[in-house]
Amino acid sequence: MDNDKTRYYDTLGVAQTANREEIAAAYRKLALVHHPLRNPREEEAQSYSRFTSLCEAYEVLSDPIKKRIYDKYGEYSLKNGVPKG
């Protein structure tokens, strides 16, 4: 499967077959590690970027409707609309 349909799973480190509980657990674990306030000031920009990616992935994968669209059409369709037909 192309990267457009697996990036969020890779970001959270879960399989595409992961359920909501596994997705939430992975998000919580990574959010604690990469939260900008829990990292040294020198790494603030990098941790903020990583944390933002984690939040975006969790927002999509934790919502059953968004997850279904993402799995079927990829990230582009979430941001630009589902193709007709």
PDB file of N, CA and C in Angstrom:
ATOM      1  N   MET A   1       0.851  -1.173   0.000  1.00  0.00           N
ATOM      2  CA  MET A   1       0.000   0.000   0.000  1.00  0.00           C
ATOM      3  C   MET A   1       0.895   1.234   0.000  1.00  0.00           C
ATOM      4  N   ASP A   2       0.441   2.282  -0.681  1.00  0.00           N
ATOM      5  CA  ASP A   2       1.295   3.458  -0.817  1.00  0.00           C
ATOM      6  C   ASP A   2       1.376   4.247   0.488  1.00  0.00           C
ATOM      7  N   ASN A   3       2.357   5.124   0.546  1.00  0.00           N
ATOM      8  CA  ASN A   3       2.639   5.905   1.749  1.00  0.00           C
ATOM      9  C   ASN A   3       1.483   6.826   2.118  1.00  0.00           C
ATOM     10  N   ASP A   4       0.711   7.262   1.124  1.00  0.00           N
ATOM     11  CA  ASP A   4      -0.419   8.161   1.372  1.00  0.00           C
ATOM     12  C   ASP A   4      -1.458   7.504   2.283  1.00  0.00           C
ATOM     13  N   LYS A   5      -1.504   6.178   2.298  1.00  0.00           N
ATOM     14  CA  LYS A   5      -2.493   5.460   3.104  1.00  0.00           C
ATOM     15  C   LYS A   5      -1.888   4.798   4.337  1.00  0.00           C
ATOM     16  N   THR A   6      -0.605   4.964   4.564  1.00  0.00           N
ATOM     17  CA  THR A   6       0.009   4.317   5.734  1.00  0.00           C
ATOM     18  C   THR A   6       0.764   5.291   6.634  1.00  0.00           C
ATOM     19  N   ARG A   7       0.919   6.532   6.244  1.00  0.00           N
ATOM     20  CA  ARG A   7       1.732   7.470   7.017  1.00  0.00           C
ATOM     21  C   ARG A   7       1.230   7.638   8.441  1.00  0.00           C
ATOM     22  N   TYR A   8      -0.067   7.755   8.625  1.00  0.00           N
ATOM     23  CA  TYR A   8      -0.597   7.946   9.970  1.00  0.00           C
ATOM     24  C   TYR A   8      -0.357   6.713  10.842  1.00  0.00           C
ATOM     25  N   TYR A   9      -0.473   5.546  10.262  1.00  0.00           N
ATOM     26  CA  TYR A   9      -0.202   4.316  11.015  1.00  0.00           C
ATOM     27  C   TYR A   9       1.285   4.252  11.407  1.00  0.00           C
ATOM     28  N   ASP A  10       2.141   4.630  10.462  1.00  0.00           N
ATOM     29  CA  ASP A  10       3.581   4.640  10.742  1.00  0.00           C
ATOM     30  C   ASP A  10       3.921   5.663  11.824  1.00  0.00           C
ATOM     31  N   THR A  11       3.269   6.815  11.785  1.00  0.00           N
ATOM     32  CA  THR A  11       3.515   7.861  12.772  1.00  0.00           C
ATOM     33  C   THR A  11       3.220   7.368  14.179  1.00  0.00           C
ATOM     34  N   LEU A  12       2.111   6.644  14.335  1.00  0.00           N
ATOM     35  CA  LEU A  12       1.744   6.126  15.659  1.00  0.00           C
ATOM     36  C   LEU A  12       2.385   4.775  15.963  1.00  0.00           C
ATOM     37  N   GLY A  13       2.979   4.147  14.952  1.00  0.00           N
ATOM     38  CA  GLY A  13       3.630   2.852  15.162  1.00  0.00           C
ATOM     39  C   GLY A  13       2.649   1.727  15.414  1.00  0.00           C
ATOM     40  N   VAL A  14       1.499   1.770  14.735  1.00  0.00           N
ATOM     41  CA  VAL A  14       0.499   0.716  14.884  1.00  0.00           C
ATOM     42  C   VAL A  14       0.223   0.078  13.524  1.00  0.00           C
ATOM     43  N   ALA A  15      -0.317  -1.126  13.567  1.00  0.00           N
ATOM     44  CA  ALA A  15      -0.696  -1.819  12.341  1.00  0.00           C
ATOM     45  C   ALA A  15      -2.015  -1.258  11.816  1.00  0.00           C
ATOM     46  N   GLN A  16      -2.276  -1.470  10.544  1.00  0.00           N
ATOM     47  CA  GLN A  16      -3.531  -0.994   9.957  1.00  0.00           C
ATOM     48  C   GLN A  16      -4.735  -1.729  10.533  1.00  0.00           C
ATOM     49  N   THR A  17      -4.501  -2.814  11.181  1.00  0.00           N
ATOM     50  CA  THR A  17      -5.589  -3.574  11.795  1.00  0.00           C
ATOM     51  C   THR A  17      -5.817  -3.188  13.251  1.00  0.00           C
ATOM     52  N   ALA A  18      -5.112  -2.177  13.730  1.00  0.00           N
ATOM     53  CA  ALA A  18      -5.215  -1.760  15.134  1.00  0.00           C
ATOM     54  C   ALA A  18      -6.616  -1.231  15.442  1.00  0.00           C
ATOM     55  N   ASN A  19      -7.098  -1.559  16.634  1.00  0.00           N
ATOM     56  CA  ASN A  19      -8.415  -1.056  17.051  1.00  0.00           C
ATOM     57  C   ASN A  19      -8.249   0.287  17.763  1.00  0.00           C
ATOM     58  N   ARG A  20      -9.362   0.888  18.169  1.00  0.00           N
ATOM     59  CA  ARG A  20      -9.327   2.220  18.776  1.00  0.00           C
ATOM     60  C   ARG A  20      -8.503   2.257  20.060  1.00  0.00           C
ATOM     61  N   GLU A  21      -8.579   1.192  20.849  1.00  0.00           N
ATOM     62  CA  GLU A  21      -7.824   1.156  22.100  1.00  0.00           C
ATOM     63  C   GLU A  21      -6.320   1.113  21.837  1.00  0.00           C
ATOM     64  N   GLU A  22      -5.899   0.334  20.856  1.00  0.00           N
ATOM     65  CA  GLU A  22      -4.473   0.257  20.516  1.00  0.00           C
ATOM     66  C   GLU A  22      -3.971   1.591  19.957  1.00  0.00           C
ATOM     67  N   ILE A  23      -4.796   2.243  19.159  1.00  0.00           N
ATOM     68  CA  ILE A  23      -4.438   3.543  18.599  1.00  0.00           C
ATOM     69  C   ILE A  23      -4.311   4.572  19.716  1.00  0.00           C
ATOM     70  N   ALA A  24      -5.262   4.586  20.639  1.00  0.00           N
ATOM     71  CA  ALA A  24      -5.232   5.534  21.755  1.00  0.00           C
ATOM     72  C   ALA A  24      -4.022   5.288  22.656  1.00  0.00           C
ATOM     73  N   ALA A  25      -3.719   4.034  22.926  1.00  0.00           N
ATOM     74  CA  ALA A  25      -2.570   3.711  23.784  1.00  0.00           C
ATOM     75  C   ALA A  25      -1.264   4.149  23.137  1.00  0.00           C
ATOM     76  N   ALA A  26      -1.132   3.907  21.845  1.00  0.00           N
ATOM     77  CA  ALA A  26       0.083   4.320  21.133  1.00  0.00           C
ATOM     78  C   ALA A  26       0.211   5.839  21.137  1.00  0.00           C
ATOM     79  N   TYR A  27      -0.896   6.532  20.934  1.00  0.00           N
ATOM     80  CA  TYR A  27      -0.872   7.993  20.942  1.00  0.00           C
ATOM     81  C   TYR A  27      -0.448   8.529  22.312  1.00  0.00           C
ATOM     82  N   ARG A  28      -1.063   8.020  23.369  1.00  0.00           N
ATOM     83  CA  ARG A  28      -0.728   8.490  24.719  1.00  0.00           C
ATOM     84  C   ARG A  28       0.759   8.276  25.036  1.00  0.00           C
ATOM     85  N   LYS A  29       1.266   7.109  24.680  1.00  0.00           N
ATOM     86  CA  LYS A  29       2.659   6.781  24.949  1.00  0.00           C
ATOM     87  C   LYS A  29       3.594   7.737  24.206  1.00  0.00           C
ATOM     88  N   LEU A  30       3.338   7.954  22.919  1.00  0.00           N
ATOM     89  CA  LEU A  30       4.204   8.818  22.126  1.00  0.00           C
ATOM     90  C   LEU A  30       4.021  10.294  22.483  1.00  0.00           C
ATOM     91  N   ALA A  31       2.811  10.691  22.841  1.00  0.00           N
ATOM     92  CA  ALA A  31       2.557  12.085  23.211  1.00  0.00           C
ATOM     93  C   ALA A  31       3.350  12.474  24.456  1.00  0.00           C
ATOM     94  N   LEU A  32       3.474  11.557  25.395  1.00  0.00           N
ATOM     95  CA  LEU A  32       4.263  11.837  26.596  1.00  0.00           C
ATOM     96  C   LEU A  32       5.746  12.016  26.275  1.00  0.00           C
ATOM     97  N   VAL A  33       6.219  11.265  25.317  1.00  0.00           N
ATOM     98  CA  VAL A  33       7.634  11.343  24.945  1.00  0.00           C
ATOM     99  C   VAL A  33       7.934  12.601  24.128  1.00  0.00           C
ATOM    100  N   HIS A  34       7.041  12.955  23.211  1.00  0.00           N
ATOM    101  CA  HIS A  34       7.328  14.022  22.250  1.00  0.00           C
ATOM    102  C   HIS A  34       6.648  15.355  22.564  1.00  0.00           C
ATOM    103  N   HIS A  35       5.959  15.457  23.679  1.00  0.00           N
ATOM    104  CA  HIS A  35       5.297  16.722  24.003  1.00  0.00           C
ATOM    105  C   HIS A  35       6.356  17.824  24.144  1.00  0.00           C
ATOM    106  N   PRO A  36       6.132  18.989  23.520  1.00  0.00           N
ATOM    107  CA  PRO A  36       7.133  20.062  23.554  1.00  0.00           C
ATOM    108  C   PRO A  36       7.523  20.528  24.957  1.00  0.00           C
ATOM    109  N   LEU A  37       6.615  20.478  25.900  1.00  0.00           N
ATOM    110  CA  LEU A  37       6.942  20.922  27.252  1.00  0.00           C
ATOM    111  C   LEU A  37       7.743  19.894  28.047  1.00  0.00           C
ATOM    112  N   ARG A  38       7.841  18.691  27.526  1.00  0.00           N
ATOM    113  CA  ARG A  38       8.597  17.642  28.214  1.00  0.00           C
ATOM    114  C   ARG A  38       9.980  17.441  27.616  1.00  0.00           C
ATOM    115  N   ASN A  39      10.349  18.275  26.661  1.00  0.00           N
ATOM    116  CA  ASN A  39      11.637  18.145  25.992  1.00  0.00           C
ATOM    117  C   ASN A  39      12.481  19.391  26.225  1.00  0.00           C
ATOM    118  N   PRO A  40      13.803  19.264  26.093  1.00  0.00           N
ATOM    119  CA  PRO A  40      14.677  20.430  26.266  1.00  0.00           C
ATOM    120  C   PRO A  40      14.334  21.540  25.278  1.00  0.00           C
ATOM    121  N   ARG A  41      14.566  22.736  25.686  1.00  0.00           N
ATOM    122  CA  ARG A  41      14.248  23.904  24.852  1.00  0.00           C
ATOM    123  C   ARG A  41      14.964  23.858  23.504  1.00  0.00           C
ATOM    124  N   GLU A  42      16.151  23.294  23.459  1.00  0.00           N
ATOM    125  CA  GLU A  42      16.916  23.200  22.211  1.00  0.00           C
ATOM    126  C   GLU A  42      16.204  22.331  21.174  1.00  0.00           C
ATOM    127  N   GLU A  43      15.397  21.400  21.640  1.00  0.00           N
ATOM    128  CA  GLU A  43      14.694  20.480  20.744  1.00  0.00           C
ATOM    129  C   GLU A  43      13.217  20.848  20.591  1.00  0.00           C
ATOM    130  N   GLU A  44      12.850  22.054  21.002  1.00  0.00           N
ATOM    131  CA  GLU A  44      11.450  22.447  21.020  1.00  0.00           C
ATOM    132  C   GLU A  44      10.803  22.394  19.635  1.00  0.00           C
ATOM    133  N   ALA A  45      11.464  22.915  18.624  1.00  0.00           N
ATOM    134  CA  ALA A  45      10.891  22.931  17.281  1.00  0.00           C
ATOM    135  C   ALA A  45      10.685  21.517  16.754  1.00  0.00           C
ATOM    136  N   GLN A  46      11.662  20.662  16.966  1.00  0.00           N
ATOM    137  CA  GLN A  46      11.566  19.279  16.499  1.00  0.00           C
ATOM    138  C   GLN A  46      10.464  18.527  17.253  1.00  0.00           C
ATOM    139  N   SER A  47      10.393  18.691  18.556  1.00  0.00           N
ATOM    140  CA  SER A  47       9.368  17.985  19.325  1.00  0.00           C
ATOM    141  C   SER A  47       7.977  18.527  19.007  1.00  0.00           C
ATOM    142  N   TYR A  48       7.863  19.819  18.761  1.00  0.00           N
ATOM    143  CA  TYR A  48       6.571  20.404  18.382  1.00  0.00           C
ATOM    144  C   TYR A  48       6.097  19.823  17.049  1.00  0.00           C
ATOM    145  N   SER A  49       7.001  19.713  16.097  1.00  0.00           N
ATOM    146  CA  SER A  49       6.659  19.150  14.791  1.00  0.00           C
ATOM    147  C   SER A  49       6.209  17.696  14.921  1.00  0.00           C
ATOM    148  N   ARG A  50       6.937  16.931  15.691  1.00  0.00           N
ATOM    149  CA  ARG A  50       6.600  15.516  15.904  1.00  0.00           C
ATOM    150  C   ARG A  50       5.263  15.387  16.642  1.00  0.00           C
ATOM    151  N   PHE A  51       5.054  16.222  17.643  1.00  0.00           N
ATOM    152  CA  PHE A  51       3.814  16.178  18.416  1.00  0.00           C
ATOM    153  C   PHE A  51       2.618  16.550  17.539  1.00  0.00           C
ATOM    154  N   THR A  52       2.786  17.530  16.670  1.00  0.00           N
ATOM    155  CA  THR A  52       1.725  17.927  15.751  1.00  0.00           C
ATOM    156  C   THR A  52       1.369  16.777  14.815  1.00  0.00           C
ATOM    157  N   SER A  53       2.362  16.068  14.325  1.00  0.00           N
ATOM    158  CA  SER A  53       2.116  14.909  13.460  1.00  0.00           C
ATOM    159  C   SER A  53       1.359  13.812  14.204  1.00  0.00           C
ATOM    160  N   LEU A  54       1.729  13.593  15.460  1.00  0.00           N
ATOM    161  CA  LEU A  54       1.040  12.593  16.280  1.00  0.00           C
ATOM    162  C   LEU A  54      -0.432  12.961  16.467  1.00  0.00           C
ATOM    163  N   CYS A  55      -0.685  14.231  16.758  1.00  0.00           N
ATOM    164  CA  CYS A  55      -2.063  14.689  16.967  1.00  0.00           C
ATOM    165  C   CYS A  55      -2.894  14.541  15.707  1.00  0.00           C
ATOM    166  N   GLU A  56      -2.311  14.873  14.580  1.00  0.00           N
ATOM    167  CA  GLU A  56      -3.017  14.750  13.302  1.00  0.00           C
ATOM    168  C   GLU A  56      -3.364  13.290  13.015  1.00  0.00           C
ATOM    169  N   ALA A  57      -2.397  12.411  13.212  1.00  0.00           N
ATOM    170  CA  ALA A  57      -2.632  10.985  12.974  1.00  0.00           C
ATOM    171  C   ALA A  57      -3.705  10.445  13.910  1.00  0.00           C
ATOM    172  N   TYR A  58      -3.641  10.837  15.174  1.00  0.00           N
ATOM    173  CA  TYR A  58      -4.630  10.359  16.144  1.00  0.00           C
ATOM    174  C   TYR A  58      -6.020  10.887  15.823  1.00  0.00           C
ATOM    175  N   GLU A  59      -6.107  12.140  15.416  1.00  0.00           N
ATOM    176  CA  GLU A  59      -7.410  12.722  15.082  1.00  0.00           C
ATOM    177  C   GLU A  59      -8.095  11.930  13.979  1.00  0.00           C
ATOM    178  N   VAL A  60      -7.349  11.503  12.995  1.00  0.00           N
ATOM    179  CA  VAL A  60      -7.925  10.747  11.880  1.00  0.00           C
ATOM    180  C   VAL A  60      -8.212   9.305  12.279  1.00  0.00           C
ATOM    181  N   LEU A  61      -7.249   8.635  12.871  1.00  0.00           N
ATOM    182  CA  LEU A  61      -7.405   7.202  13.143  1.00  0.00           C
ATOM    183  C   LEU A  61      -8.354   6.901  14.297  1.00  0.00           C
ATOM    184  N   SER A  62      -8.608   7.864  15.153  1.00  0.00           N
ATOM    185  CA  SER A  62      -9.531   7.620  16.264  1.00  0.00           C
ATOM    186  C   SER A  62     -10.986   7.867  15.871  1.00  0.00           C
ATOM    187  N   ASP A  63     -11.211   8.489  14.750  1.00  0.00           N
ATOM    188  CA  ASP A  63     -12.569   8.757  14.260  1.00  0.00           C
ATOM    189  C   ASP A  63     -12.912   7.700  13.211  1.00  0.00           C
ATOM    190  N   PRO A  64     -13.922   6.866  13.457  1.00  0.00           N
ATOM    191  CA  PRO A  64     -14.227   5.766  12.531  1.00  0.00           C
ATOM    192  C   PRO A  64     -14.523   6.214  11.098  1.00  0.00           C
ATOM    193  N   ILE A  65     -15.186   7.336  10.930  1.00  0.00           N
ATOM    194  CA  ILE A  65     -15.514   7.798   9.579  1.00  0.00           C
ATOM    195  C   ILE A  65     -14.265   8.298   8.860  1.00  0.00           C
ATOM    196  N   LYS A  66     -13.465   9.119   9.547  1.00  0.00           N
ATOM    197  CA  LYS A  66     -12.230   9.619   8.943  1.00  0.00           C
ATOM    198  C   LYS A  66     -11.268   8.472   8.645  1.00  0.00           C
ATOM    199  N   LYS A  67     -11.222   7.499   9.547  1.00  0.00           N
ATOM    200  CA  LYS A  67     -10.337   6.346   9.355  1.00  0.00           C
ATOM    201  C   LYS A  67     -10.746   5.555   8.121  1.00  0.00           C
ATOM    202  N   ARG A  68     -12.038   5.364   7.927  1.00  0.00           N
ATOM    203  CA  ARG A  68     -12.522   4.624   6.770  1.00  0.00           C
ATOM    204  C   ARG A  68     -12.162   5.354   5.471  1.00  0.00           C
ATOM    205  N   ILE A  69     -12.338   6.671   5.450  1.00  0.00           N
ATOM    206  CA  ILE A  69     -11.980   7.458   4.268  1.00  0.00           C
ATOM    207  C   ILE A  69     -10.474   7.381   4.025  1.00  0.00           C
ATOM    208  N   TYR A  70      -9.702   7.520   5.093  1.00  0.00           N
ATOM    209  CA  TYR A  70      -8.245   7.461   4.982  1.00  0.00           C
ATOM    210  C   TYR A  70      -7.793   6.098   4.455  1.00  0.00           C
ATOM    211  N   ASP A  71      -8.352   5.029   4.982  1.00  0.00           N
ATOM    212  CA  ASP A  71      -7.970   3.686   4.551  1.00  0.00           C
ATOM    213  C   ASP A  71      -8.322   3.438   3.089  1.00  0.00           C
ATOM    214  N   LYS A  72      -9.427   3.987   2.653  1.00  0.00           N
ATOM    215  CA  LYS A  72      -9.878   3.721   1.288  1.00  0.00           C
ATOM    216  C   LYS A  72      -9.236   4.659   0.261  1.00  0.00           C
ATOM    217  N   TYR A  73      -9.146   5.948   0.584  1.00  0.00           N
ATOM    218  CA  TYR A  73      -8.707   6.930  -0.407  1.00  0.00           C
ATOM    219  C   TYR A  73      -7.382   7.615  -0.091  1.00  0.00           C
ATOM    220  N   GLY A  74      -6.934   7.542   1.134  1.00  0.00           N
ATOM    221  CA  GLY A  74      -5.660   8.163   1.490  1.00  0.00           C
ATOM    222  C   GLY A  74      -5.797   9.552   2.078  1.00  0.00           C
ATOM    223  N   GLU A  75      -4.664  10.097   2.431  1.00  0.00           N
ATOM    224  CA  GLU A  75      -4.604  11.395   3.108  1.00  0.00           C
ATOM    225  C   GLU A  75      -5.109  12.522   2.213  1.00  0.00           C
ATOM    226  N   TYR A  76      -4.812  12.462   0.939  1.00  0.00           N
ATOM    227  CA  TYR A  76      -5.219  13.521   0.013  1.00  0.00           C
ATOM    228  C   TYR A  76      -6.728  13.718   0.043  1.00  0.00           C
ATOM    229  N   SER A  77      -7.477  12.643   0.069  1.00  0.00           N
ATOM    230  CA  SER A  77      -8.941  12.734   0.062  1.00  0.00           C
ATOM    231  C   SER A  77      -9.486  13.323   1.353  1.00  0.00           C
ATOM    232  N   LEU A  78      -8.819  13.097   2.456  1.00  0.00           N
ATOM    233  CA  LEU A  78      -9.259  13.699   3.714  1.00  0.00           C
ATOM    234  C   LEU A  78      -9.146  15.216   3.660  1.00  0.00           C
ATOM    235  N   LYS A  79      -8.108  15.687   3.022  1.00  0.00           N
ATOM    236  CA  LYS A  79      -7.857  17.117   2.995  1.00  0.00           C
ATOM    237  C   LYS A  79      -8.547  17.820   1.821  1.00  0.00           C
ATOM    238  N   ASN A  80      -8.848  17.074   0.759  1.00  0.00           N
ATOM    239  CA  ASN A  80      -9.375  17.689  -0.461  1.00  0.00           C
ATOM    240  C   ASN A  80     -10.732  17.138  -0.893  1.00  0.00           C
ATOM    241  N   GLY A  81     -11.303  16.245  -0.124  1.00  0.00           N
ATOM    242  CA  GLY A  81     -12.600  15.676  -0.470  1.00  0.00           C
ATOM    243  C   GLY A  81     -12.477  14.312  -1.122  1.00  0.00           C
ATOM    244  N   VAL A  82     -13.492  13.508  -0.909  1.00  0.00           N
ATOM    245  CA  VAL A  82     -13.537  12.155  -1.459  1.00  0.00           C
ATOM    246  C   VAL A  82     -13.923  12.240  -2.928  1.00  0.00           C
ATOM    247  N   PRO A  83     -13.249  11.488  -3.811  1.00  0.00           N
ATOM    248  CA  PRO A  83     -13.623  11.520  -5.217  1.00  0.00           C
ATOM    249  C   PRO A  83     -15.025  10.968  -5.447  1.00  0.00           C
ATOM    250  N   LYS A  84     -15.719  11.535  -6.391  1.00  0.00           N
ATOM    251  CA  LYS A  84     -17.076  11.070  -6.694  1.00  0.00           C
ATOM    252  C   LYS A  84     -17.006   9.785  -7.501  1.00  0.00           C
ATOM    253  N   GLY A  85     -18.033   8.962  -7.287  1.00  0.00           N
ATOM    254  CA  GLY A  85     -18.125   7.745  -8.096  1.00  0.00           C
ATOM    255  C   GLY A  85     -17.706   6.545  -7.433  1.00  0.00           C
TER     256      GLY A  85
END
